[in-house]
Amino acid sequence: MGTGNSDVGMIISFPKKTSLASNEYFDFDDKKYQPEEVSEVPYPYFGQSHMARIIEKNTIYPDYSGTTIFEGTVWVKFTISPMGAVINAHIYKSSQHIDDQVYAELIHGRAIYAINSTYQYWHPGILNGNRVNVEMILPVEFKIK
């Protein structure tokens, strides 16, 4: 009877440069650039109106039994990666303070969810011919219809 070894694992590493099927090479770098620092700012594949529809479609009021109702804007700061993915989304600011902490967390979570729903719709930022991380800020509006 063999004995099991619970210390078995897998180590995965990636080279500093990696290529895709298109033979484009990318330097993976943690540095984040501001939109004004890059030669090509990240932009939505299908235009801003398409992006706005995706965000609006995914901006849903959370189910909550409290009396607080938030109507306003939450700005979400996030990074568009060299692969065009939305990463590191977090709340940048809100148009008004929400006193109920649980409700605030639910609203903020919905705003981050709405921005994360755009993950596959971005052209990455370009600097000196290389794809780079670019920090972005977008508003998410909450309105009762």
N, C-alpha and C. Protein backbone atom coordinates (compact mmCIF):
# COMPACT_ATOMS: atom_id res chain seq x y z
N MET A 1 0.83 -1.17 0.00
CA MET A 1 0.00 0.00 0.00
C MET A 1 0.88 1.24 0.00
N GLY A 2 0.65 2.17 -0.94
CA GLY A 2 1.47 3.39 -1.03
C GLY A 2 1.00 4.44 -0.03
N THR A 3 1.90 5.30 0.32
CA THR A 3 1.52 6.39 1.22
C THR A 3 1.31 7.65 0.41
N GLY A 4 0.33 8.44 0.78
CA GLY A 4 0.04 9.70 0.09
C GLY A 4 0.98 10.79 0.57
N ASN A 5 1.33 11.66 -0.30
CA ASN A 5 2.20 12.77 0.07
C ASN A 5 1.38 14.05 -0.07
N SER A 6 1.09 14.70 1.07
CA SER A 6 0.28 15.91 1.03
C SER A 6 1.11 17.16 0.74
N ASP A 7 2.42 17.01 0.57
CA ASP A 7 3.28 18.15 0.31
C ASP A 7 3.55 18.36 -1.18
N VAL A 8 2.78 17.71 -2.02
CA VAL A 8 2.98 17.84 -3.46
C VAL A 8 2.27 19.10 -3.94
N GLY A 9 2.92 19.87 -4.76
CA GLY A 9 2.32 21.10 -5.28
C GLY A 9 2.88 21.39 -6.65
N MET A 10 2.47 22.50 -7.19
CA MET A 10 2.92 22.88 -8.52
C MET A 10 3.42 24.32 -8.46
N ILE A 11 4.52 24.56 -9.11
CA ILE A 11 5.05 25.92 -9.21
C ILE A 11 4.95 26.33 -10.67
N ILE A 12 4.35 27.47 -10.88
CA ILE A 12 4.22 27.98 -12.23
C ILE A 12 4.95 29.32 -12.28
N SER A 13 5.78 29.50 -13.28
CA SER A 13 6.44 30.79 -13.44
C SER A 13 6.31 31.25 -14.88
N PHE A 14 6.36 32.53 -15.07
CA PHE A 14 6.26 33.10 -16.38
C PHE A 14 7.51 33.92 -16.66
N PRO A 15 7.98 33.90 -17.88
CA PRO A 15 9.14 34.74 -18.21
C PRO A 15 8.76 36.21 -18.17
N LYS A 16 9.75 37.07 -18.08
CA LYS A 16 9.52 38.52 -18.08
C LYS A 16 8.80 38.96 -19.35
N LYS A 17 9.11 38.33 -20.46
CA LYS A 17 8.40 38.60 -21.72
C LYS A 17 7.65 37.34 -22.11
N THR A 18 6.49 37.50 -22.63
CA THR A 18 5.73 36.36 -23.10
C THR A 18 5.09 36.73 -24.43
N SER A 19 4.80 35.76 -25.24
CA SER A 19 4.20 36.05 -26.54
C SER A 19 2.83 35.41 -26.65
N LEU A 20 2.03 35.99 -27.50
CA LEU A 20 0.73 35.43 -27.82
C LEU A 20 0.81 34.82 -29.20
N ALA A 21 -0.28 34.25 -29.65
CA ALA A 21 -0.30 33.60 -30.96
C ALA A 21 0.06 34.57 -32.09
N SER A 22 -0.19 35.85 -31.87
CA SER A 22 0.09 36.83 -32.92
C SER A 22 1.56 37.26 -32.97
N ASN A 23 2.39 36.63 -32.16
CA ASN A 23 3.82 36.93 -32.06
C ASN A 23 4.11 38.33 -31.53
N GLU A 24 3.15 38.94 -30.83
CA GLU A 24 3.41 40.21 -30.17
C GLU A 24 4.02 39.90 -28.81
N TYR A 25 5.01 40.67 -28.42
CA TYR A 25 5.63 40.47 -27.12
C TYR A 25 5.17 41.55 -26.16
N PHE A 26 4.97 41.16 -24.91
CA PHE A 26 4.53 42.08 -23.88
C PHE A 26 5.49 42.01 -22.71
N ASP A 27 5.91 43.16 -22.23
CA ASP A 27 6.63 43.23 -20.97
C ASP A 27 5.59 43.35 -19.88
N PHE A 28 5.61 42.42 -18.94
CA PHE A 28 4.69 42.51 -17.82
C PHE A 28 5.37 43.33 -16.74
N ASP A 29 4.81 44.47 -16.47
CA ASP A 29 5.38 45.42 -15.55
C ASP A 29 4.26 45.90 -14.63
N ASP A 30 4.56 46.05 -13.36
CA ASP A 30 3.54 46.49 -12.41
C ASP A 30 3.31 47.99 -12.43
N LYS A 31 4.15 48.74 -13.11
CA LYS A 31 4.01 50.20 -13.13
C LYS A 31 2.67 50.57 -13.75
N LYS A 32 2.00 51.54 -13.11
CA LYS A 32 0.73 52.04 -13.62
C LYS A 32 0.93 53.46 -14.12
N TYR A 33 0.40 53.74 -15.29
CA TYR A 33 0.50 55.06 -15.90
C TYR A 33 -0.84 55.77 -15.82
N GLN A 34 -0.79 57.08 -15.82
CA GLN A 34 -1.99 57.90 -15.90
C GLN A 34 -2.32 58.10 -17.38
N PRO A 35 -3.57 58.35 -17.72
CA PRO A 35 -3.94 58.52 -19.13
C PRO A 35 -3.11 59.57 -19.86
N GLU A 36 -2.73 60.64 -19.18
CA GLU A 36 -1.97 61.70 -19.85
C GLU A 36 -0.51 61.31 -20.09
N GLU A 37 -0.05 60.20 -19.51
CA GLU A 37 1.34 59.76 -19.68
C GLU A 37 1.54 58.83 -20.87
N VAL A 38 0.46 58.27 -21.40
CA VAL A 38 0.60 57.27 -22.47
C VAL A 38 0.30 57.89 -23.83
N SER A 39 0.83 57.27 -24.86
CA SER A 39 0.59 57.78 -26.21
C SER A 39 -0.78 57.37 -26.74
N GLU A 40 -1.31 56.26 -26.24
CA GLU A 40 -2.64 55.80 -26.63
C GLU A 40 -3.39 55.38 -25.37
N VAL A 41 -4.44 56.10 -25.05
CA VAL A 41 -5.25 55.84 -23.85
C VAL A 41 -6.13 54.62 -24.10
N PRO A 42 -6.35 53.77 -23.08
CA PRO A 42 -7.29 52.65 -23.27
C PRO A 42 -8.66 53.18 -23.71
N TYR A 43 -9.31 52.44 -24.59
CA TYR A 43 -10.62 52.87 -25.06
C TYR A 43 -11.48 51.63 -25.31
N PRO A 44 -12.80 51.80 -25.21
CA PRO A 44 -13.71 50.68 -25.41
C PRO A 44 -13.70 50.20 -26.86
N TYR A 45 -13.70 48.89 -27.06
CA TYR A 45 -13.71 48.30 -28.40
C TYR A 45 -14.87 48.82 -29.24
N PHE A 46 -16.05 48.90 -28.65
CA PHE A 46 -17.25 49.21 -29.42
C PHE A 46 -17.77 50.62 -29.15
N GLY A 47 -16.94 51.49 -28.61
CA GLY A 47 -17.31 52.88 -28.39
C GLY A 47 -17.85 53.16 -27.00
N GLN A 48 -17.90 54.44 -26.69
CA GLN A 48 -18.31 54.87 -25.35
C GLN A 48 -19.79 54.60 -25.08
N SER A 49 -20.64 54.73 -26.08
CA SER A 49 -22.07 54.49 -25.84
C SER A 49 -22.32 53.02 -25.51
N HIS A 50 -21.60 52.12 -26.17
CA HIS A 50 -21.72 50.69 -25.85
C HIS A 50 -21.25 50.43 -24.42
N MET A 51 -20.13 51.05 -24.05
CA MET A 51 -19.60 50.89 -22.69
C MET A 51 -20.60 51.42 -21.66
N ALA A 52 -21.20 52.57 -21.95
CA ALA A 52 -22.19 53.15 -21.05
C ALA A 52 -23.39 52.23 -20.87
N ARG A 53 -23.83 51.57 -21.95
CA ARG A 53 -24.96 50.63 -21.85
C ARG A 53 -24.60 49.43 -20.98
N ILE A 54 -23.38 48.93 -21.11
CA ILE A 54 -22.95 47.79 -20.28
C ILE A 54 -22.94 48.18 -18.81
N ILE A 55 -22.38 49.36 -18.52
CA ILE A 55 -22.33 49.81 -17.12
C ILE A 55 -23.74 50.03 -16.59
N GLU A 56 -24.60 50.69 -17.37
CA GLU A 56 -25.98 50.93 -16.94
C GLU A 56 -26.72 49.62 -16.70
N LYS A 57 -26.56 48.67 -17.60
CA LYS A 57 -27.23 47.36 -17.48
C LYS A 57 -26.81 46.64 -16.20
N ASN A 58 -25.57 46.84 -15.77
CA ASN A 58 -25.05 46.15 -14.59
C ASN A 58 -25.06 47.00 -13.33
N THR A 59 -25.67 48.18 -13.38
CA THR A 59 -25.83 49.02 -12.21
C THR A 59 -27.20 48.73 -11.62
N ILE A 60 -27.24 47.87 -10.66
CA ILE A 60 -28.50 47.40 -10.10
C ILE A 60 -28.52 47.74 -8.61
N TYR A 61 -29.65 48.30 -8.16
CA TYR A 61 -29.78 48.55 -6.74
C TYR A 61 -29.78 47.23 -5.99
N PRO A 62 -29.04 47.17 -4.90
CA PRO A 62 -29.03 45.92 -4.13
C PRO A 62 -30.33 45.77 -3.33
N ASP A 63 -30.73 44.52 -3.08
CA ASP A 63 -31.87 44.27 -2.20
C ASP A 63 -31.43 44.63 -0.78
N TYR A 64 -32.19 45.50 -0.16
CA TYR A 64 -31.82 45.95 1.18
C TYR A 64 -33.08 46.38 1.90
N SER A 65 -33.23 45.95 3.14
CA SER A 65 -34.46 46.23 3.88
C SER A 65 -34.41 47.56 4.63
N GLY A 66 -33.30 48.27 4.60
CA GLY A 66 -33.19 49.55 5.30
C GLY A 66 -33.98 50.64 4.60
N THR A 67 -33.98 51.82 5.20
CA THR A 67 -34.75 52.93 4.65
C THR A 67 -33.92 53.83 3.75
N THR A 68 -32.62 53.64 3.72
CA THR A 68 -31.74 54.48 2.91
C THR A 68 -31.86 54.14 1.44
N ILE A 69 -31.98 55.17 0.61
CA ILE A 69 -31.95 54.98 -0.84
C ILE A 69 -30.94 55.97 -1.40
N PHE A 70 -29.95 55.46 -2.09
CA PHE A 70 -28.88 56.29 -2.63
C PHE A 70 -29.22 56.67 -4.06
N GLU A 71 -29.19 57.95 -4.35
CA GLU A 71 -29.25 58.43 -5.72
C GLU A 71 -28.05 59.35 -5.89
N GLY A 72 -27.16 58.98 -6.76
CA GLY A 72 -25.96 59.76 -6.95
C GLY A 72 -24.95 59.01 -7.79
N THR A 73 -23.70 59.46 -7.71
CA THR A 73 -22.64 58.90 -8.53
C THR A 73 -21.53 58.35 -7.65
N VAL A 74 -21.03 57.20 -8.04
CA VAL A 74 -19.87 56.59 -7.39
C VAL A 74 -18.79 56.48 -8.46
N TRP A 75 -17.62 57.03 -8.19
CA TRP A 75 -16.51 56.94 -9.14
C TRP A 75 -15.65 55.74 -8.77
N VAL A 76 -15.38 54.90 -9.76
CA VAL A 76 -14.57 53.70 -9.54
C VAL A 76 -13.23 53.89 -10.25
N LYS A 77 -12.16 53.65 -9.50
CA LYS A 77 -10.81 53.72 -10.06
C LYS A 77 -10.36 52.29 -10.33
N PHE A 78 -9.77 52.06 -11.49
CA PHE A 78 -9.36 50.72 -11.87
C PHE A 78 -8.20 50.81 -12.84
N THR A 79 -7.61 49.70 -13.16
CA THR A 79 -6.49 49.65 -14.09
C THR A 79 -6.89 48.81 -15.29
N ILE A 80 -6.55 49.29 -16.49
CA ILE A 80 -6.66 48.48 -17.70
C ILE A 80 -5.29 47.86 -17.90
N SER A 81 -5.22 46.55 -17.87
CA SER A 81 -3.95 45.83 -17.98
C SER A 81 -3.45 45.83 -19.42
N PRO A 82 -2.20 45.39 -19.64
CA PRO A 82 -1.68 45.29 -21.02
C PRO A 82 -2.48 44.32 -21.89
N MET A 83 -3.26 43.46 -21.28
CA MET A 83 -4.09 42.53 -22.05
C MET A 83 -5.50 43.09 -22.27
N GLY A 84 -5.78 44.31 -21.76
CA GLY A 84 -7.09 44.93 -21.94
C GLY A 84 -8.10 44.53 -20.89
N ALA A 85 -7.65 43.97 -19.78
CA ALA A 85 -8.55 43.52 -18.72
C ALA A 85 -8.70 44.60 -17.65
N VAL A 86 -9.86 44.64 -17.02
CA VAL A 86 -10.10 45.52 -15.87
C VAL A 86 -9.55 44.80 -14.63
N ILE A 87 -8.64 45.47 -13.92
CA ILE A 87 -8.08 44.89 -12.69
C ILE A 87 -8.06 45.96 -11.60
N ASN A 88 -7.97 45.52 -10.37
CA ASN A 88 -7.81 46.39 -9.20
C ASN A 88 -8.88 47.47 -9.08
N ALA A 89 -10.12 47.15 -9.36
CA ALA A 89 -11.20 48.13 -9.25
C ALA A 89 -11.50 48.41 -7.78
N HIS A 90 -11.61 49.70 -7.44
CA HIS A 90 -11.96 50.10 -6.08
C HIS A 90 -12.65 51.47 -6.13
N ILE A 91 -13.31 51.82 -5.04
CA ILE A 91 -14.05 53.08 -4.97
C ILE A 91 -13.06 54.24 -4.84
N TYR A 92 -13.23 55.23 -5.70
CA TYR A 92 -12.40 56.43 -5.67
C TYR A 92 -13.09 57.51 -4.82
N LYS A 93 -14.38 57.76 -5.13
CA LYS A 93 -15.16 58.70 -4.32
C LYS A 93 -16.64 58.53 -4.63
N SER A 94 -17.46 59.17 -3.82
CA SER A 94 -18.90 59.09 -3.99
C SER A 94 -19.47 60.50 -3.93
N SER A 95 -20.56 60.75 -4.64
CA SER A 95 -21.13 62.08 -4.68
C SER A 95 -21.78 62.49 -3.37
N GLN A 96 -22.10 61.52 -2.55
CA GLN A 96 -22.66 61.84 -1.23
C GLN A 96 -22.31 60.74 -0.25
N HIS A 97 -22.28 61.11 1.01
CA HIS A 97 -21.95 60.15 2.06
C HIS A 97 -23.18 59.29 2.37
N ILE A 98 -22.96 58.01 2.56
CA ILE A 98 -24.05 57.10 2.93
C ILE A 98 -23.81 56.71 4.38
N ASP A 99 -24.75 57.10 5.28
CA ASP A 99 -24.57 56.86 6.71
C ASP A 99 -24.63 55.38 7.08
N ASP A 100 -25.47 54.62 6.41
CA ASP A 100 -25.63 53.20 6.71
C ASP A 100 -24.46 52.43 6.07
N GLN A 101 -23.55 51.92 6.88
CA GLN A 101 -22.32 51.27 6.39
C GLN A 101 -22.62 50.04 5.54
N VAL A 102 -23.59 49.25 5.94
CA VAL A 102 -23.93 48.04 5.18
C VAL A 102 -24.45 48.43 3.80
N TYR A 103 -25.33 49.42 3.76
CA TYR A 103 -25.87 49.88 2.48
C TYR A 103 -24.77 50.49 1.61
N ALA A 104 -23.87 51.25 2.22
CA ALA A 104 -22.74 51.84 1.48
C ALA A 104 -21.90 50.75 0.83
N GLU A 105 -21.61 49.69 1.57
CA GLU A 105 -20.82 48.58 1.02
C GLU A 105 -21.57 47.90 -0.12
N LEU A 106 -22.88 47.76 -0.01
CA LEU A 106 -23.66 47.15 -1.09
C LEU A 106 -23.64 48.03 -2.34
N ILE A 107 -23.85 49.33 -2.18
CA ILE A 107 -23.82 50.25 -3.33
C ILE A 107 -22.43 50.26 -3.96
N HIS A 108 -21.41 50.36 -3.13
CA HIS A 108 -20.03 50.38 -3.66
C HIS A 108 -19.71 49.07 -4.37
N GLY A 109 -20.16 47.98 -3.81
CA GLY A 109 -19.95 46.68 -4.46
C GLY A 109 -20.63 46.60 -5.82
N ARG A 110 -21.84 47.18 -5.92
CA ARG A 110 -22.55 47.19 -7.21
C ARG A 110 -21.83 48.07 -8.22
N ALA A 111 -21.25 49.18 -7.77
CA ALA A 111 -20.50 50.05 -8.68
C ALA A 111 -19.27 49.32 -9.22
N ILE A 112 -18.55 48.64 -8.34
CA ILE A 112 -17.37 47.87 -8.77
C ILE A 112 -17.79 46.75 -9.71
N TYR A 113 -18.90 46.08 -9.41
CA TYR A 113 -19.42 45.03 -10.28
C TYR A 113 -19.71 45.57 -11.68
N ALA A 114 -20.33 46.75 -11.75
CA ALA A 114 -20.67 47.36 -13.05
C ALA A 114 -19.41 47.62 -13.86
N ILE A 115 -18.37 48.16 -13.23
CA ILE A 115 -17.11 48.42 -13.94
C ILE A 115 -16.43 47.11 -14.33
N ASN A 116 -16.40 46.15 -13.42
CA ASN A 116 -15.79 44.85 -13.74
C ASN A 116 -16.50 44.14 -14.89
N SER A 117 -17.77 44.45 -15.11
CA SER A 117 -18.53 43.82 -16.21
C SER A 117 -18.02 44.27 -17.58
N THR A 118 -17.17 45.29 -17.61
CA THR A 118 -16.61 45.78 -18.87
C THR A 118 -15.26 45.13 -19.18
N TYR A 119 -14.88 44.11 -18.44
CA TYR A 119 -13.53 43.53 -18.49
C TYR A 119 -13.06 43.13 -19.88
N GLN A 120 -13.94 42.73 -20.75
CA GLN A 120 -13.49 42.21 -22.05
C GLN A 120 -13.67 43.20 -23.20
N TYR A 121 -13.93 44.45 -22.88
CA TYR A 121 -14.27 45.41 -23.91
C TYR A 121 -13.26 46.55 -24.07
N TRP A 122 -12.01 46.37 -23.67
CA TRP A 122 -11.04 47.45 -23.69
C TRP A 122 -9.84 47.17 -24.60
N HIS A 123 -9.44 48.19 -25.36
CA HIS A 123 -8.12 48.21 -26.00
C HIS A 123 -7.16 48.72 -24.93
N PRO A 124 -6.01 48.10 -24.76
CA PRO A 124 -5.09 48.55 -23.71
C PRO A 124 -4.39 49.87 -24.08
N GLY A 125 -3.79 50.49 -23.08
CA GLY A 125 -3.02 51.70 -23.31
C GLY A 125 -1.66 51.36 -23.92
N ILE A 126 -1.12 52.30 -24.68
CA ILE A 126 0.16 52.09 -25.37
C ILE A 126 1.13 53.20 -24.96
N LEU A 127 2.36 52.81 -24.67
CA LEU A 127 3.43 53.76 -24.41
C LEU A 127 4.69 53.25 -25.11
N ASN A 128 5.27 54.06 -25.97
CA ASN A 128 6.47 53.69 -26.73
C ASN A 128 6.29 52.35 -27.47
N GLY A 129 5.10 52.14 -28.01
CA GLY A 129 4.82 50.93 -28.77
C GLY A 129 4.52 49.69 -27.92
N ASN A 130 4.56 49.82 -26.59
CA ASN A 130 4.28 48.69 -25.69
C ASN A 130 2.95 48.88 -24.98
N ARG A 131 2.27 47.79 -24.76
CA ARG A 131 1.04 47.82 -23.97
C ARG A 131 1.43 47.98 -22.50
N VAL A 132 0.71 48.86 -21.80
CA VAL A 132 1.04 49.15 -20.40
C VAL A 132 -0.22 49.21 -19.55
N ASN A 133 -0.04 49.13 -18.23
CA ASN A 133 -1.13 49.34 -17.27
C ASN A 133 -1.48 50.82 -17.25
N VAL A 134 -2.77 51.13 -17.34
CA VAL A 134 -3.21 52.52 -17.26
C VAL A 134 -4.36 52.62 -16.26
N GLU A 135 -4.21 53.54 -15.30
CA GLU A 135 -5.27 53.76 -14.32
C GLU A 135 -6.37 54.62 -14.94
N MET A 136 -7.60 54.24 -14.67
CA MET A 136 -8.76 54.95 -15.21
C MET A 136 -9.74 55.21 -14.07
N ILE A 137 -10.60 56.20 -14.26
CA ILE A 137 -11.68 56.48 -13.32
C ILE A 137 -12.95 56.68 -14.14
N LEU A 138 -13.99 55.94 -13.78
CA LEU A 138 -15.29 56.08 -14.47
C LEU A 138 -16.40 56.26 -13.44
N PRO A 139 -17.40 57.07 -13.77
CA PRO A 139 -18.54 57.22 -12.86
C PRO A 139 -19.58 56.14 -13.09
N VAL A 140 -20.24 55.76 -12.01
CA VAL A 140 -21.38 54.85 -12.08
C VAL A 140 -22.53 55.59 -11.39
N GLU A 141 -23.59 55.86 -12.14
CA GLU A 141 -24.71 56.63 -11.62
C GLU A 141 -25.83 55.71 -11.15
N PHE A 142 -26.35 56.03 -9.98
CA PHE A 142 -27.49 55.30 -9.43
C PHE A 142 -28.69 56.26 -9.44
N LYS A 143 -29.74 55.88 -10.17
CA LYS A 143 -30.96 56.68 -10.26
C LYS A 143 -32.16 55.76 -10.11
N ILE A 144 -33.14 56.22 -9.38
CA ILE A 144 -34.38 55.46 -9.30
C ILE A 144 -35.23 55.85 -10.49
N LYS A 145 -35.68 54.83 -11.21
CA LYS A 145 -36.45 55.08 -12.44
C LYS A 145 -37.93 55.00 -12.17
